[in-house]
Amino acid sequence: MLKPVFLAAAFAMLAGGAYAETKTITVAGGCFWCVESDFESVPGVKGAVSGFAGGKLANPTYKQVTKGGTGHYEAVQITYDNAKLPLGKLYDMFFRSVDPTDAGGQFCDRGASYRTALFVSNGAEQQAAEAAKARAEAELGQKIVTPILQAGPFYAADAGHQDYYKSNDKVLTRFGLVSKAKAYKKYRNACGRDQRVKQLWGSAAPFAS
């Protein structure tokens, strides 16, 4: 009879070692609904959570962060399978999904909370982030202002901001009472996110339609 330790190892192999390969990174790319929507479509990504990172205030609210003064970025915590999606590729996709030359926000969203950033928690992430930033800068031929910061606490936004891009819950907007999913699509188009990303990155932009 196999000993428990061997049974556990065999089970992990049969499961594809997914548990051992699951990792998490935090990025800030402007509107967190957009970043969450983009990266949840990537094969190898297991999920994405909208929230806040980089500030000093514990458990900030959305209103506090967007008002300014908390030091937080709108951020997304991405959980992925490193066996299927290498970290370097994930960072490459991130840079090509934003305008990393803009230090004042992203697209129509202006202010400190909408700036871009990569939050790293160890040497491997730091090295991969720096390499991806160098590749992006060389390809773009412009100065990239996206900082690479040491990760601190990540605070998930309230439930109303999670999966906004695909929610059928109704919200009142200038377009009337519509689903969050419809409001999101109208906001993203009006904000010019995809248009600007495609202008910068062309066919290398992974999410711009």
C-alpha atoms as a PDB file:
ATOM      1  CA  MET A   1       0.000   0.000   0.000  1.00  0.00           C
ATOM      2  CA  LEU A   2       1.242   3.489  -0.888  1.00  0.00           C
ATOM      3  CA  LYS A   3       2.009   5.739   2.034  1.00  0.00           C
ATOM      4  CA  PRO A   4      -0.057   8.926   2.420  1.00  0.00           C
ATOM      5  CA  VAL A   5       2.803  11.145   1.283  1.00  0.00           C
ATOM      6  CA  PHE A   6       3.061   9.248  -1.993  1.00  0.00           C
ATOM      7  CA  LEU A   7      -0.708   9.328  -2.442  1.00  0.00           C
ATOM      8  CA  ALA A   8      -0.689  13.094  -1.965  1.00  0.00           C
ATOM      9  CA  ALA A   9       2.105  13.497  -4.527  1.00  0.00           C
ATOM     10  CA  ALA A  10       0.288  11.291  -7.011  1.00  0.00           C
ATOM     11  CA  PHE A  11      -2.929  13.253  -6.563  1.00  0.00           C
ATOM     12  CA  ALA A  12      -1.060  16.518  -7.175  1.00  0.00           C
ATOM     13  CA  MET A  13       0.398  15.117 -10.391  1.00  0.00           C
ATOM     14  CA  LEU A  14      -3.026  13.949 -11.573  1.00  0.00           C
ATOM     15  CA  ALA A  15      -4.436  17.373 -10.826  1.00  0.00           C
ATOM     16  CA  GLY A  16      -1.728  18.933 -12.961  1.00  0.00           C
ATOM     17  CA  GLY A  17       0.008  20.445  -9.977  1.00  0.00           C
ATOM     18  CA  ALA A  18      -2.379  23.401 -10.207  1.00  0.00           C
ATOM     19  CA  TYR A  19      -2.350  24.106  -6.500  1.00  0.00           C
ATOM     20  CA  ALA A  20       1.441  24.313  -6.322  1.00  0.00           C
ATOM     21  CA  GLU A  21       1.609  26.566  -9.394  1.00  0.00           C
ATOM     22  CA  THR A  22      -1.078  29.073  -8.371  1.00  0.00           C
ATOM     23  CA  LYS A  23       0.390  32.534  -7.785  1.00  0.00           C
ATOM     24  CA  THR A  24      -0.903  36.061  -7.285  1.00  0.00           C
ATOM     25  CA  ILE A  25       0.298  39.472  -8.453  1.00  0.00           C
ATOM     26  CA  THR A  26      -1.088  42.988  -8.041  1.00  0.00           C
ATOM     27  CA  VAL A  27      -1.187  45.589 -10.811  1.00  0.00           C
ATOM     28  CA  ALA A  28      -2.707  49.050 -11.221  1.00  0.00           C
ATOM     29  CA  GLY A  29      -3.896  50.049 -14.664  1.00  0.00           C
ATOM     30  CA  GLY A  30      -6.449  52.779 -14.206  1.00  0.00           C
ATOM     31  CA  CYS A  31     -10.092  51.722 -13.939  1.00  0.00           C
ATOM     32  CA  PHE A  32     -10.049  48.410 -12.089  1.00  0.00           C
ATOM     33  CA  TRP A  33     -13.198  47.193 -13.828  1.00  0.00           C
ATOM     34  CA  CYS A  34     -11.277  47.306 -17.116  1.00  0.00           C
ATOM     35  CA  VAL A  35      -8.179  45.546 -15.788  1.00  0.00           C
ATOM     36  CA  GLU A  36     -10.320  42.839 -14.198  1.00  0.00           C
ATOM     37  CA  SER A  37     -12.267  42.374 -17.429  1.00  0.00           C
ATOM     38  CA  ASP A  38      -9.106  42.170 -19.541  1.00  0.00           C
ATOM     39  CA  PHE A  39      -7.193  39.678 -17.457  1.00  0.00           C
ATOM     40  CA  GLU A  40     -10.062  37.360 -16.584  1.00  0.00           C
ATOM     41  CA  SER A  41     -10.184  36.617 -20.330  1.00  0.00           C
ATOM     42  CA  VAL A  42      -6.580  35.346 -20.383  1.00  0.00           C
ATOM     43  CA  PRO A  43      -6.026  31.568 -20.465  1.00  0.00           C
ATOM     44  CA  GLY A  44      -4.184  30.592 -17.304  1.00  0.00           C
ATOM     45  CA  VAL A  45      -5.721  33.352 -15.177  1.00  0.00           C
ATOM     46  CA  LYS A  46      -7.906  31.853 -12.483  1.00  0.00           C
ATOM     47  CA  GLY A  47      -9.499  35.080 -11.313  1.00  0.00           C
ATOM     48  CA  ALA A  48      -9.080  38.788 -10.672  1.00  0.00           C
ATOM     49  CA  VAL A  49     -10.245  40.943  -7.766  1.00  0.00           C
ATOM     50  CA  SER A  50     -10.728  44.701  -7.930  1.00  0.00           C
ATOM     51  CA  GLY A  51      -9.404  46.682  -4.994  1.00  0.00           C
ATOM     52  CA  PHE A  52      -6.870  49.174  -3.693  1.00  0.00           C
ATOM     53  CA  ALA A  53      -3.116  49.057  -3.090  1.00  0.00           C
ATOM     54  CA  GLY A  54      -0.198  51.344  -2.310  1.00  0.00           C
ATOM     55  CA  GLY A  55      -1.807  53.594   0.283  1.00  0.00           C
ATOM     56  CA  LYS A  56      -1.595  53.999   4.046  1.00  0.00           C
ATOM     57  CA  LEU A  57      -5.287  54.026   5.002  1.00  0.00           C
ATOM     58  CA  ALA A  58      -6.581  50.617   6.110  1.00  0.00           C
ATOM     59  CA  ASN A  59      -9.760  49.312   4.488  1.00  0.00           C
ATOM     60  CA  PRO A  60     -10.420  52.377   2.313  1.00  0.00           C
ATOM     61  CA  THR A  61     -13.722  52.855   0.543  1.00  0.00           C
ATOM     62  CA  TYR A  62     -14.085  53.550  -3.161  1.00  0.00           C
ATOM     63  CA  LYS A  63     -15.196  57.126  -2.431  1.00  0.00           C
ATOM     64  CA  GLN A  64     -12.214  57.758  -0.175  1.00  0.00           C
ATOM     65  CA  VAL A  65      -9.737  56.508  -2.768  1.00  0.00           C
ATOM     66  CA  THR A  66     -11.218  58.302  -5.763  1.00  0.00           C
ATOM     67  CA  LYS A  67     -11.558  61.534  -3.770  1.00  0.00           C
ATOM     68  CA  GLY A  68      -7.788  61.458  -3.276  1.00  0.00           C
ATOM     69  CA  GLY A  69      -5.413  61.729  -0.379  1.00  0.00           C
ATOM     70  CA  THR A  70      -5.262  58.079   0.699  1.00  0.00           C
ATOM     71  CA  GLY A  71      -2.261  57.221  -1.474  1.00  0.00           C
ATOM     72  CA  HIS A  72      -4.042  54.204  -2.934  1.00  0.00           C
ATOM     73  CA  TYR A  73      -4.169  53.111  -6.538  1.00  0.00           C
ATOM     74  CA  GLU A  74      -7.175  51.371  -8.037  1.00  0.00           C
ATOM     75  CA  ALA A  75      -5.588  47.938  -8.376  1.00  0.00           C
ATOM     76  CA  VAL A  76      -6.368  44.373  -9.348  1.00  0.00           C
ATOM     77  CA  GLN A  77      -5.076  41.219  -7.727  1.00  0.00           C
ATOM     78  CA  ILE A  78      -4.622  38.559 -10.397  1.00  0.00           C
ATOM     79  CA  THR A  79      -4.430  34.864  -9.530  1.00  0.00           C
ATOM     80  CA  TYR A  80      -2.862  32.738 -12.249  1.00  0.00           C
ATOM     81  CA  ASP A  81      -1.381  29.329 -13.033  1.00  0.00           C
ATOM     82  CA  ASN A  82       2.346  29.867 -13.502  1.00  0.00           C
ATOM     83  CA  ALA A  83       2.682  26.540 -15.322  1.00  0.00           C
ATOM     84  CA  LYS A  84       0.366  27.821 -18.059  1.00  0.00           C
ATOM     85  CA  LEU A  85       1.120  31.528 -17.933  1.00  0.00           C
ATOM     86  CA  PRO A  86       4.685  32.673 -17.179  1.00  0.00           C
ATOM     87  CA  LEU A  87       5.007  35.799 -15.055  1.00  0.00           C
ATOM     88  CA  GLY A  88       7.002  37.635 -17.712  1.00  0.00           C
ATOM     89  CA  LYS A  89       4.240  37.143 -20.264  1.00  0.00           C
ATOM     90  CA  LEU A  90       1.650  38.390 -17.786  1.00  0.00           C
ATOM     91  CA  TYR A  91       3.648  41.569 -17.181  1.00  0.00           C
ATOM     92  CA  ASP A  92       4.177  42.015 -20.932  1.00  0.00           C
ATOM     93  CA  MET A  93       0.417  41.852 -21.449  1.00  0.00           C
ATOM     94  CA  PHE A  94      -0.131  44.361 -18.669  1.00  0.00           C
ATOM     95  CA  PHE A  95       2.155  46.998 -20.175  1.00  0.00           C
ATOM     96  CA  ARG A  96       0.463  46.613 -23.561  1.00  0.00           C
ATOM     97  CA  SER A  97      -3.000  47.008 -22.014  1.00  0.00           C
ATOM     98  CA  VAL A  98      -2.362  50.511 -20.621  1.00  0.00           C
ATOM     99  CA  ASP A  99      -0.728  53.826 -21.488  1.00  0.00           C
ATOM    100  CA  PRO A 100       2.476  53.541 -19.428  1.00  0.00           C
ATOM    101  CA  THR A 101       3.642  56.971 -20.625  1.00  0.00           C
ATOM    102  CA  ASP A 102       0.877  58.787 -18.709  1.00  0.00           C
ATOM    103  CA  ALA A 103       1.828  59.866 -15.182  1.00  0.00           C
ATOM    104  CA  GLY A 104      -1.460  61.639 -14.436  1.00  0.00           C
ATOM    105  CA  GLY A 105      -3.969  58.805 -14.659  1.00  0.00           C
ATOM    106  CA  GLN A 106      -5.323  56.649 -17.444  1.00  0.00           C
ATOM    107  CA  PHE A 107      -7.392  57.762 -20.411  1.00  0.00           C
ATOM    108  CA  CYS A 108     -10.400  59.822 -19.216  1.00  0.00           C
ATOM    109  CA  ASP A 109      -9.751  58.946 -15.557  1.00  0.00           C
ATOM    110  CA  ARG A 110      -7.412  61.523 -14.054  1.00  0.00           C
ATOM    111  CA  GLY A 111      -5.794  61.668 -10.651  1.00  0.00           C
ATOM    112  CA  ALA A 112      -3.393  59.716  -8.467  1.00  0.00           C
ATOM    113  CA  SER A 113      -5.683  56.746  -7.868  1.00  0.00           C
ATOM    114  CA  TYR A 114      -5.821  56.005 -11.611  1.00  0.00           C
ATOM    115  CA  ARG A 115      -2.071  55.859 -12.230  1.00  0.00           C
ATOM    116  CA  THR A 116      -0.340  52.680 -13.375  1.00  0.00           C
ATOM    117  CA  ALA A 117       1.981  50.592 -11.186  1.00  0.00           C
ATOM    118  CA  LEU A 118       3.302  47.101 -10.635  1.00  0.00           C
ATOM    119  CA  PHE A 119       3.430  45.848  -7.045  1.00  0.00           C
ATOM    120  CA  VAL A 120       6.070  43.194  -6.413  1.00  0.00           C
ATOM    121  CA  SER A 121       6.509  41.031  -3.334  1.00  0.00           C
ATOM    122  CA  ASN A 122       9.773  39.170  -3.996  1.00  0.00           C
ATOM    123  CA  GLY A 123      12.970  39.175  -6.027  1.00  0.00           C
ATOM    124  CA  ALA A 124      11.553  37.048  -8.833  1.00  0.00           C
ATOM    125  CA  GLU A 125       8.660  39.438  -9.357  1.00  0.00           C
ATOM    126  CA  GLN A 126      10.983  42.447  -9.185  1.00  0.00           C
ATOM    127  CA  GLN A 127      13.295  40.973 -11.821  1.00  0.00           C
ATOM    128  CA  ALA A 128      10.426  39.948 -14.103  1.00  0.00           C
ATOM    129  CA  ALA A 129       8.756  43.348 -13.760  1.00  0.00           C
ATOM    130  CA  GLU A 130      11.957  45.255 -14.540  1.00  0.00           C
ATOM    131  CA  ALA A 131      12.639  43.065 -17.576  1.00  0.00           C
ATOM    132  CA  ALA A 132       9.090  43.516 -18.877  1.00  0.00           C
ATOM    133  CA  LYS A 133       9.311  47.272 -18.374  1.00  0.00           C
ATOM    134  CA  ALA A 134      12.587  47.389 -20.320  1.00  0.00           C
ATOM    135  CA  ARG A 135      11.076  45.339 -23.164  1.00  0.00           C
ATOM    136  CA  ALA A 136       8.026  47.594 -23.297  1.00  0.00           C
ATOM    137  CA  GLU A 137      10.116  50.764 -23.310  1.00  0.00           C
ATOM    138  CA  ALA A 138      12.331  49.439 -26.095  1.00  0.00           C
ATOM    139  CA  GLU A 139       9.328  48.405 -28.192  1.00  0.00           C
ATOM    140  CA  LEU A 140       7.420  51.625 -27.617  1.00  0.00           C
ATOM    141  CA  GLY A 141      10.428  53.898 -28.008  1.00  0.00           C
ATOM    142  CA  GLN A 142       9.105  56.202 -25.288  1.00  0.00           C
ATOM    143  CA  LYS A 143       9.792  56.772 -21.613  1.00  0.00           C
ATOM    144  CA  ILE A 144       7.669  54.527 -19.406  1.00  0.00           C
ATOM    145  CA  VAL A 145       6.627  56.137 -16.130  1.00  0.00           C
ATOM    146  CA  THR A 146       4.929  53.098 -14.558  1.00  0.00           C
ATOM    147  CA  PRO A 147       6.707  52.502 -11.213  1.00  0.00           C
ATOM    148  CA  ILE A 148       7.609  49.129  -9.764  1.00  0.00           C
ATOM    149  CA  LEU A 149       6.655  49.284  -6.084  1.00  0.00           C
ATOM    150  CA  GLN A 150       6.994  46.982  -3.119  1.00  0.00           C
ATOM    151  CA  ALA A 151       3.694  45.292  -2.406  1.00  0.00           C
ATOM    152  CA  GLY A 152       1.859  46.127   0.786  1.00  0.00           C
ATOM    153  CA  PRO A 153      -1.682  45.313   1.897  1.00  0.00           C
ATOM    154  CA  PHE A 154      -4.290  44.822  -0.812  1.00  0.00           C
ATOM    155  CA  TYR A 155      -7.858  45.758   0.082  1.00  0.00           C
ATOM    156  CA  ALA A 156     -10.656  44.291  -2.013  1.00  0.00           C
ATOM    157  CA  ALA A 157     -13.325  46.761  -3.123  1.00  0.00           C
ATOM    158  CA  ASP A 158     -16.903  46.161  -2.046  1.00  0.00           C
ATOM    159  CA  ALA A 159     -18.968  43.492  -3.794  1.00  0.00           C
ATOM    160  CA  GLY A 160     -20.681  46.051  -6.030  1.00  0.00           C
ATOM    161  CA  HIS A 161     -17.388  46.649  -7.849  1.00  0.00           C
ATOM    162  CA  GLN A 162     -16.490  42.990  -8.420  1.00  0.00           C
ATOM    163  CA  ASP A 163     -17.268  41.504 -11.856  1.00  0.00           C
ATOM    164  CA  TYR A 164     -18.861  44.823 -12.799  1.00  0.00           C
ATOM    165  CA  TYR A 165     -18.173  44.242 -16.478  1.00  0.00           C
ATOM    166  CA  LYS A 166     -20.417  41.181 -16.629  1.00  0.00           C
ATOM    167  CA  SER A 167     -23.043  41.940 -13.992  1.00  0.00           C
ATOM    168  CA  ASN A 168     -26.738  42.083 -14.866  1.00  0.00           C
ATOM    169  CA  ASP A 169     -27.486  44.242 -11.816  1.00  0.00           C
ATOM    170  CA  LYS A 170     -29.101  47.517 -12.835  1.00  0.00           C
ATOM    171  CA  VAL A 171     -27.562  50.962 -12.253  1.00  0.00           C
ATOM    172  CA  LEU A 172     -28.843  54.428 -13.065  1.00  0.00           C
ATOM    173  CA  THR A 173     -26.591  56.204 -15.556  1.00  0.00           C
ATOM    174  CA  ARG A 174     -26.845  59.094 -18.000  1.00  0.00           C
ATOM    175  CA  PHE A 175     -27.986  56.417 -20.461  1.00  0.00           C
ATOM    176  CA  GLY A 176     -30.875  55.500 -18.178  1.00  0.00           C
ATOM    177  CA  LEU A 177     -31.380  52.402 -16.055  1.00  0.00           C
ATOM    178  CA  VAL A 178     -29.127  49.745 -17.574  1.00  0.00           C
ATOM    179  CA  SER A 179     -27.183  46.675 -16.489  1.00  0.00           C
ATOM    180  CA  LYS A 180     -23.708  47.191 -15.103  1.00  0.00           C
ATOM    181  CA  ALA A 181     -22.363  45.213 -18.062  1.00  0.00           C
ATOM    182  CA  LYS A 182     -23.946  47.635 -20.530  1.00  0.00           C
ATOM    183  CA  ALA A 183     -22.875  50.671 -18.503  1.00  0.00           C
ATOM    184  CA  TYR A 184     -19.330  49.325 -18.415  1.00  0.00           C
ATOM    185  CA  LYS A 185     -19.168  48.911 -22.188  1.00  0.00           C
ATOM    186  CA  LYS A 186     -20.450  52.438 -22.758  1.00  0.00           C
ATOM    187  CA  TYR A 187     -18.019  53.862 -20.197  1.00  0.00           C
ATOM    188  CA  ARG A 188     -15.036  52.015 -21.682  1.00  0.00           C
ATOM    189  CA  ASN A 189     -15.814  53.192 -25.183  1.00  0.00           C
ATOM    190  CA  ALA A 190     -16.456  56.790 -24.103  1.00  0.00           C
ATOM    191  CA  CYS A 191     -13.265  56.848 -22.039  1.00  0.00           C
ATOM    192  CA  GLY A 192     -11.154  55.992 -25.091  1.00  0.00           C
ATOM    193  CA  ARG A 193      -9.186  53.211 -23.401  1.00  0.00           C
ATOM    194  CA  ASP A 194      -9.029  50.805 -26.328  1.00  0.00           C
ATOM    195  CA  GLN A 195      -8.515  53.573 -28.857  1.00  0.00           C
ATOM    196  CA  ARG A 196      -5.478  54.959 -27.025  1.00  0.00           C
ATOM    197  CA  VAL A 197      -3.971  51.532 -26.299  1.00  0.00           C
ATOM    198  CA  LYS A 198      -4.304  50.552 -29.936  1.00  0.00           C
ATOM    199  CA  GLN A 199      -2.753  53.859 -30.997  1.00  0.00           C
ATOM    200  CA  LEU A 200       0.253  53.168 -28.763  1.00  0.00           C
ATOM    201  CA  TRP A 201       0.728  49.444 -29.235  1.00  0.00           C
ATOM    202  CA  GLY A 202      -0.975  48.566 -32.511  1.00  0.00           C
ATOM    203  CA  SER A 203      -1.319  44.844 -33.087  1.00  0.00           C
ATOM    204  CA  ALA A 204       0.663  44.127 -29.897  1.00  0.00           C
ATOM    205  CA  ALA A 205      -2.263  45.343 -27.769  1.00  0.00           C
ATOM    206  CA  PRO A 206      -3.769  42.139 -26.347  1.00  0.00           C
ATOM    207  CA  PHE A 207      -7.234  43.416 -25.419  1.00  0.00           C
ATOM    208  CA  ALA A 208      -8.034  46.461 -27.577  1.00  0.00           C
ATOM    209  CA  SER A 209     -10.707  45.631 -30.142  1.00  0.00           C
END
